Amino acid sequence: MDEKTFLEKMTDLLDVEEEPKLDDELANFENWDSLGYITFLSMANKVSKERIAPVTVQDAKTLNDLFALVKKG
């Protein structure tokens, strides 16, 4: 997944009007909660070649951390 596609998906997932940036902190998004976490994990595992461990998502602090997981897989 490329950066543009990732940010488009995260715009929808986080339900924000402006496209977020990779250096944005997850804690600043109202919709980054348990449902957002599960939704991201589901989306990431669909596009990734390898299964993404839930603990790695829990450790993420920024959108770039999440993008690295998707890009790596």
PDB file of N, CA and C in Angstrom:
ATOM      1  N   MET A   1       0.847  -1.170   0.000  1.00  0.00           N
ATOM      2  CA  MET A   1       0.000   0.000   0.000  1.00  0.00           C
ATOM      3  C   MET A   1       0.893   1.233   0.000  1.00  0.00           C
ATOM      4  N   ASP A   2       0.569   2.169  -0.872  1.00  0.00           N
ATOM      5  CA  ASP A   2       1.362   3.389  -0.899  1.00  0.00           C
ATOM      6  C   ASP A   2       0.832   4.406   0.128  1.00  0.00           C
ATOM      7  N   GLU A   3       1.611   5.443   0.346  1.00  0.00           N
ATOM      8  CA  GLU A   3       1.285   6.445   1.372  1.00  0.00           C
ATOM      9  C   GLU A   3      -0.048   7.136   1.099  1.00  0.00           C
ATOM     10  N   LYS A   4      -0.304   7.499  -0.145  1.00  0.00           N
ATOM     11  CA  LYS A   4      -1.550   8.211  -0.487  1.00  0.00           C
ATOM     12  C   LYS A   4      -2.769   7.343  -0.178  1.00  0.00           C
ATOM     13  N   THR A   5      -2.734   6.087  -0.589  1.00  0.00           N
ATOM     14  CA  THR A   5      -3.846   5.165  -0.333  1.00  0.00           C
ATOM     15  C   THR A   5      -4.039   4.966   1.165  1.00  0.00           C
ATOM     16  N   PHE A   6      -2.933   4.806   1.884  1.00  0.00           N
ATOM     17  CA  PHE A   6      -3.006   4.636   3.330  1.00  0.00           C
ATOM     18  C   PHE A   6      -3.689   5.836   3.984  1.00  0.00           C
ATOM     19  N   LEU A   7      -3.271   7.039   3.617  1.00  0.00           N
ATOM     20  CA  LEU A   7      -3.852   8.240   4.227  1.00  0.00           C
ATOM     21  C   LEU A   7      -5.326   8.403   3.858  1.00  0.00           C
ATOM     22  N   GLU A   8      -5.705   8.003   2.657  1.00  0.00           N
ATOM     23  CA  GLU A   8      -7.125   8.040   2.275  1.00  0.00           C
ATOM     24  C   GLU A   8      -7.934   7.087   3.139  1.00  0.00           C
ATOM     25  N   LYS A   9      -7.415   5.879   3.329  1.00  0.00           N
ATOM     26  CA  LYS A   9      -8.116   4.900   4.174  1.00  0.00           C
ATOM     27  C   LYS A   9      -8.199   5.387   5.622  1.00  0.00           C
ATOM     28  N   MET A  10      -7.118   5.997   6.113  1.00  0.00           N
ATOM     29  CA  MET A  10      -7.129   6.484   7.491  1.00  0.00           C
ATOM     30  C   MET A  10      -8.058   7.684   7.652  1.00  0.00           C
ATOM     31  N   THR A  11      -8.225   8.490   6.616  1.00  0.00           N
ATOM     32  CA  THR A  11      -9.179   9.603   6.650  1.00  0.00           C
ATOM     33  C   THR A  11     -10.576   9.052   6.893  1.00  0.00           C
ATOM     34  N   ASP A  12     -10.929   7.993   6.187  1.00  0.00           N
ATOM     35  CA  ASP A  12     -12.240   7.358   6.362  1.00  0.00           C
ATOM     36  C   ASP A  12     -12.348   6.685   7.726  1.00  0.00           C
ATOM     37  N   LEU A  13     -11.323   5.928   8.080  1.00  0.00           N
ATOM     38  CA  LEU A  13     -11.349   5.185   9.332  1.00  0.00           C
ATOM     39  C   LEU A  13     -11.467   6.115  10.533  1.00  0.00           C
ATOM     40  N   LEU A  14     -10.735   7.218  10.503  1.00  0.00           N
ATOM     41  CA  LEU A  14     -10.743   8.164  11.624  1.00  0.00           C
ATOM     42  C   LEU A  14     -11.889   9.160  11.534  1.00  0.00           C
ATOM     43  N   ASP A  15     -12.622   9.125  10.418  1.00  0.00           N
ATOM     44  CA  ASP A  15     -13.771   9.994  10.189  1.00  0.00           C
ATOM     45  C   ASP A  15     -13.406  11.467  10.388  1.00  0.00           C
ATOM     46  N   VAL A  16     -12.353  11.887   9.668  1.00  0.00           N
ATOM     47  CA  VAL A  16     -11.926  13.287   9.708  1.00  0.00           C
ATOM     48  C   VAL A  16     -12.137  13.905   8.336  1.00  0.00           C
ATOM     49  N   GLU A  17     -12.318  15.220   8.318  1.00  0.00           N
ATOM     50  CA  GLU A  17     -12.569  15.899   7.052  1.00  0.00           C
ATOM     51  C   GLU A  17     -11.279  16.169   6.285  1.00  0.00           C
ATOM     52  N   GLU A  18     -10.246  16.586   6.983  1.00  0.00           N
ATOM     53  CA  GLU A  18      -8.965  16.853   6.330  1.00  0.00           C
ATOM     54  C   GLU A  18      -8.095  15.606   6.402  1.00  0.00           C
ATOM     55  N   GLU A  19      -7.393  15.342   5.297  1.00  0.00           N
ATOM     56  CA  GLU A  19      -6.523  14.175   5.282  1.00  0.00           C
ATOM     57  C   GLU A  19      -5.411  14.353   6.317  1.00  0.00           C
ATOM     58  N   PRO A  20      -5.242  13.368   7.182  1.00  0.00           N
ATOM     59  CA  PRO A  20      -4.187  13.469   8.202  1.00  0.00           C
ATOM     60  C   PRO A  20      -2.797  13.348   7.578  1.00  0.00           C
ATOM     61  N   LYS A  21      -1.807  13.656   8.377  1.00  0.00           N
ATOM     62  CA  LYS A  21      -0.413  13.546   7.953  1.00  0.00           C
ATOM     63  C   LYS A  21       0.236  12.396   8.716  1.00  0.00           C
ATOM     64  N   LEU A  22       1.282  11.831   8.153  1.00  0.00           N
ATOM     65  CA  LEU A  22       1.936  10.685   8.770  1.00  0.00           C
ATOM     66  C   LEU A  22       2.483  10.982  10.158  1.00  0.00           C
ATOM     67  N   ASP A  23       2.863  12.230  10.420  1.00  0.00           N
ATOM     68  CA  ASP A  23       3.436  12.533  11.733  1.00  0.00           C
ATOM     69  C   ASP A  23       2.379  12.883  12.782  1.00  0.00           C
ATOM     70  N   ASP A  24       1.090  12.820  12.421  1.00  0.00           N
ATOM     71  CA  ASP A  24       0.016  13.076  13.388  1.00  0.00           C
ATOM     72  C   ASP A  24      -0.025  11.972  14.439  1.00  0.00           C
ATOM     73  N   GLU A  25      -0.211  12.387  15.681  1.00  0.00           N
ATOM     74  CA  GLU A  25      -0.295  11.421  16.782  1.00  0.00           C
ATOM     75  C   GLU A  25      -1.697  10.828  16.860  1.00  0.00           C
ATOM     76  N   LEU A  26      -1.745   9.529  17.057  1.00  0.00           N
ATOM     77  CA  LEU A  26      -3.030   8.825  17.129  1.00  0.00           C
ATOM     78  C   LEU A  26      -3.896   9.331  18.277  1.00  0.00           C
ATOM     79  N   ALA A  27      -3.284   9.707  19.372  1.00  0.00           N
ATOM     80  CA  ALA A  27      -4.025  10.177  20.543  1.00  0.00           C
ATOM     81  C   ALA A  27      -4.824  11.443  20.245  1.00  0.00           C
ATOM     82  N   ASN A  28      -4.479  12.149  19.188  1.00  0.00           N
ATOM     83  CA  ASN A  28      -5.183  13.386  18.839  1.00  0.00           C
ATOM     84  C   ASN A  28      -6.456  13.155  18.034  1.00  0.00           C
ATOM     85  N   PHE A  29      -6.732  11.909  17.680  1.00  0.00           N
ATOM     86  CA  PHE A  29      -7.931  11.596  16.902  1.00  0.00           C
ATOM     87  C   PHE A  29      -8.999  11.017  17.814  1.00  0.00           C
ATOM     88  N   GLU A  30     -10.136  11.653  17.806  1.00  0.00           N
ATOM     89  CA  GLU A  30     -11.258  11.222  18.634  1.00  0.00           C
ATOM     90  C   GLU A  30     -11.679   9.789  18.325  1.00  0.00           C
ATOM     91  N   ASN A  31     -11.620   9.404  17.046  1.00  0.00           N
ATOM     92  CA  ASN A  31     -12.067   8.073  16.646  1.00  0.00           C
ATOM     93  C   ASN A  31     -10.976   7.016  16.698  1.00  0.00           C
ATOM     94  N   TRP A  32      -9.804   7.341  17.264  1.00  0.00           N
ATOM     95  CA  TRP A  32      -8.796   6.298  17.477  1.00  0.00           C
ATOM     96  C   TRP A  32      -9.086   5.701  18.847  1.00  0.00           C
ATOM     97  N   ASP A  33     -10.026   4.791  18.857  1.00  0.00           N
ATOM     98  CA  ASP A  33     -10.469   4.123  20.076  1.00  0.00           C
ATOM     99  C   ASP A  33     -10.455   2.625  19.799  1.00  0.00           C
ATOM    100  N   SER A  34     -11.113   1.864  20.624  1.00  0.00           N
ATOM    101  CA  SER A  34     -11.083   0.412  20.439  1.00  0.00           C
ATOM    102  C   SER A  34     -11.679  -0.008  19.097  1.00  0.00           C
ATOM    103  N   LEU A  35     -12.731   0.659  18.652  1.00  0.00           N
ATOM    104  CA  LEU A  35     -13.325   0.336  17.359  1.00  0.00           C
ATOM    105  C   LEU A  35     -12.381   0.715  16.219  1.00  0.00           C
ATOM    106  N   GLY A  36     -11.754   1.871  16.319  1.00  0.00           N
ATOM    107  CA  GLY A  36     -10.779   2.291  15.314  1.00  0.00           C
ATOM    108  C   GLY A  36      -9.605   1.335  15.246  1.00  0.00           C
ATOM    109  N   TYR A  37      -9.169   0.884  16.401  1.00  0.00           N
ATOM    110  CA  TYR A  37      -8.063  -0.067  16.500  1.00  0.00           C
ATOM    111  C   TYR A  37      -8.404  -1.379  15.773  1.00  0.00           C
ATOM    112  N   ILE A  38      -9.582  -1.905  16.057  1.00  0.00           N
ATOM    113  CA  ILE A  38     -10.026  -3.156  15.442  1.00  0.00           C
ATOM    114  C   ILE A  38     -10.220  -2.972  13.935  1.00  0.00           C
ATOM    115  N   THR A  39     -10.808  -1.850  13.546  1.00  0.00           N
ATOM    116  CA  THR A  39     -11.029  -1.571  12.131  1.00  0.00           C
ATOM    117  C   THR A  39      -9.701  -1.472  11.394  1.00  0.00           C
ATOM    118  N   PHE A  40      -8.732  -0.784  11.993  1.00  0.00           N
ATOM    119  CA  PHE A  40      -7.412  -0.686  11.374  1.00  0.00           C
ATOM    120  C   PHE A  40      -6.785  -2.068  11.244  1.00  0.00           C
ATOM    121  N   LEU A  41      -6.823  -2.840  12.296  1.00  0.00           N
ATOM    122  CA  LEU A  41      -6.209  -4.165  12.286  1.00  0.00           C
ATOM    123  C   LEU A  41      -6.816  -5.037  11.185  1.00  0.00           C
ATOM    124  N   SER A  42      -8.121  -4.969  11.039  1.00  0.00           N
ATOM    125  CA  SER A  42      -8.805  -5.727   9.990  1.00  0.00           C
ATOM    126  C   SER A  42      -8.353  -5.276   8.601  1.00  0.00           C
ATOM    127  N   MET A  43      -8.342  -3.962   8.379  1.00  0.00           N
ATOM    128  CA  MET A  43      -7.926  -3.417   7.091  1.00  0.00           C
ATOM    129  C   MET A  43      -6.469  -3.773   6.808  1.00  0.00           C
ATOM    130  N   ALA A  44      -5.612  -3.620   7.796  1.00  0.00           N
ATOM    131  CA  ALA A  44      -4.187  -3.871   7.622  1.00  0.00           C
ATOM    132  C   ALA A  44      -3.924  -5.335   7.292  1.00  0.00           C
ATOM    133  N   ASN A  45      -4.625  -6.234   7.939  1.00  0.00           N
ATOM    134  CA  ASN A  45      -4.415  -7.659   7.676  1.00  0.00           C
ATOM    135  C   ASN A  45      -4.943  -8.072   6.301  1.00  0.00           C
ATOM    136  N   LYS A  46      -5.886  -7.316   5.758  1.00  0.00           N
ATOM    137  CA  LYS A  46      -6.382  -7.611   4.410  1.00  0.00           C
ATOM    138  C   LYS A  46      -5.371  -7.206   3.347  1.00  0.00           C
ATOM    139  N   VAL A  47      -4.663  -6.113   3.572  1.00  0.00           N
ATOM    140  CA  VAL A  47      -3.736  -5.614   2.550  1.00  0.00           C
ATOM    141  C   VAL A  47      -2.302  -6.087   2.762  1.00  0.00           C
ATOM    142  N   SER A  48      -2.015  -6.622   3.928  1.00  0.00           N
ATOM    143  CA  SER A  48      -0.660  -7.041   4.243  1.00  0.00           C
ATOM    144  C   SER A  48      -0.433  -8.494   3.846  1.00  0.00           C
ATOM    145  N   LYS A  49       0.781  -8.791   3.456  1.00  0.00           N
ATOM    146  CA  LYS A  49       1.122 -10.165   3.099  1.00  0.00           C
ATOM    147  C   LYS A  49       1.286 -11.037   4.335  1.00  0.00           C
ATOM    148  N   GLU A  50       1.673 -10.404   5.438  1.00  0.00           N
ATOM    149  CA  GLU A  50       1.851 -11.113   6.701  1.00  0.00           C
ATOM    150  C   GLU A  50       0.832 -10.610   7.714  1.00  0.00           C
ATOM    151  N   ARG A  51       0.468 -11.460   8.628  1.00  0.00           N
ATOM    152  CA  ARG A  51      -0.465 -11.074   9.693  1.00  0.00           C
ATOM    153  C   ARG A  51       0.203 -10.052  10.606  1.00  0.00           C
ATOM    154  N   ILE A  52      -0.519  -9.002  10.914  1.00  0.00           N
ATOM    155  CA  ILE A  52      -0.001  -7.953  11.797  1.00  0.00           C
ATOM    156  C   ILE A  52      -0.449  -8.263  13.220  1.00  0.00           C
ATOM    157  N   ALA A  53       0.504  -8.353  14.120  1.00  0.00           N
ATOM    158  CA  ALA A  53       0.202  -8.680  15.509  1.00  0.00           C
ATOM    159  C   ALA A  53      -0.485  -7.497  16.185  1.00  0.00           C
ATOM    160  N   PRO A  54      -1.578  -7.764  16.910  1.00  0.00           N
ATOM    161  CA  PRO A  54      -2.286  -6.684  17.599  1.00  0.00           C
ATOM    162  C   PRO A  54      -1.390  -5.844  18.514  1.00  0.00           C
ATOM    163  N   VAL A  55      -0.425  -6.464  19.161  1.00  0.00           N
ATOM    164  CA  VAL A  55       0.437  -5.712  20.081  1.00  0.00           C
ATOM    165  C   VAL A  55       1.242  -4.643  19.347  1.00  0.00           C
ATOM    166  N   THR A  56       1.595  -4.887  18.082  1.00  0.00           N
ATOM    167  CA  THR A  56       2.348  -3.881  17.335  1.00  0.00           C
ATOM    168  C   THR A  56       1.485  -2.664  17.038  1.00  0.00           C
ATOM    169  N   VAL A  57       0.200  -2.874  16.878  1.00  0.00           N
ATOM    170  CA  VAL A  57      -0.717  -1.750  16.666  1.00  0.00           C
ATOM    171  C   VAL A  57      -0.878  -0.980  17.971  1.00  0.00           C
ATOM    172  N   GLN A  58      -0.954  -1.683  19.081  1.00  0.00           N
ATOM    173  CA  GLN A  58      -1.070  -1.023  20.382  1.00  0.00           C
ATOM    174  C   GLN A  58       0.132  -0.144  20.673  1.00  0.00           C
ATOM    175  N   ASP A  59       1.296  -0.539  20.186  1.00  0.00           N
ATOM    176  CA  ASP A  59       2.519   0.226  20.432  1.00  0.00           C
ATOM    177  C   ASP A  59       2.642   1.462  19.551  1.00  0.00           C
ATOM    178  N   ALA A  60       1.831   1.563  18.507  1.00  0.00           N
ATOM    179  CA  ALA A  60       1.919   2.690  17.574  1.00  0.00           C
ATOM    180  C   ALA A  60       1.511   3.994  18.250  1.00  0.00           C
ATOM    181  N   LYS A  61       2.267   5.037  17.958  1.00  0.00           N
ATOM    182  CA  LYS A  61       1.979   6.375  18.516  1.00  0.00           C
ATOM    183  C   LYS A  61       1.532   7.358  17.439  1.00  0.00           C
ATOM    184  N   THR A  62       1.989   7.139  16.197  1.00  0.00           N
ATOM    185  CA  THR A  62       1.665   8.053  15.099  1.00  0.00           C
ATOM    186  C   THR A  62       1.103   7.270  13.920  1.00  0.00           C
ATOM    187  N   LEU A  63       0.550   8.002  12.979  1.00  0.00           N
ATOM    188  CA  LEU A  63       0.081   7.364  11.754  1.00  0.00           C
ATOM    189  C   LEU A  63       1.247   6.730  11.006  1.00  0.00           C
ATOM    190  N   ASN A  64       2.406   7.320  11.096  1.00  0.00           N
ATOM    191  CA  ASN A  64       3.575   6.748  10.441  1.00  0.00           C
ATOM    192  C   ASN A  64       3.916   5.376  11.014  1.00  0.00           C
ATOM    193  N   ASP A  65       3.724   5.200  12.320  1.00  0.00           N
ATOM    194  CA  ASP A  65       3.940   3.886  12.931  1.00  0.00           C
ATOM    195  C   ASP A  65       3.000   2.844  12.328  1.00  0.00           C
ATOM    196  N   LEU A  66       1.744   3.237  12.118  1.00  0.00           N
ATOM    197  CA  LEU A  66       0.768   2.324  11.513  1.00  0.00           C
ATOM    198  C   LEU A  66       1.121   2.056  10.056  1.00  0.00           C
ATOM    199  N   PHE A  67       1.524   3.106   9.350  1.00  0.00           N
ATOM    200  CA  PHE A  67       1.890   2.950   7.936  1.00  0.00           C
ATOM    201  C   PHE A  67       3.071   1.995   7.795  1.00  0.00           C
ATOM    202  N   ALA A  68       4.022   2.086   8.714  1.00  0.00           N
ATOM    203  CA  ALA A  68       5.178   1.189   8.673  1.00  0.00           C
ATOM    204  C   ALA A  68       4.748  -0.273   8.807  1.00  0.00           C
ATOM    205  N   LEU A  69       3.731  -0.534   9.608  1.00  0.00           N
ATOM    206  CA  LEU A  69       3.231  -1.899   9.771  1.00  0.00           C
ATOM    207  C   LEU A  69       2.609  -2.410   8.481  1.00  0.00           C
ATOM    208  N   VAL A  70       1.830  -1.566   7.835  1.00  0.00           N
ATOM    209  CA  VAL A  70       1.156  -1.956   6.596  1.00  0.00           C
ATOM    210  C   VAL A  70       2.167  -2.089   5.462  1.00  0.00           C
ATOM    211  N   LYS A  71       3.080  -1.159   5.400  1.00  0.00           N
ATOM    212  CA  LYS A  71       4.091  -1.156   4.342  1.00  0.00           C
ATOM    213  C   LYS A  71       5.035  -2.342   4.465  1.00  0.00           C
ATOM    214  N   LYS A  72       5.366  -2.679   5.713  1.00  0.00           N
ATOM    215  CA  LYS A  72       6.293  -3.785   5.977  1.00  0.00           C
ATOM    216  C   LYS A  72       5.677  -5.114   5.556  1.00  0.00           C
ATOM    217  N   GLY A  73       4.387  -5.259   5.855  1.00  0.00           N
ATOM    218  CA  GLY A  73       3.728  -6.525   5.580  1.00  0.00           C
ATOM    219  C   GLY A  73       3.407  -6.648   4.178  1.00  0.00           C
TER     220      GLY A  73
END
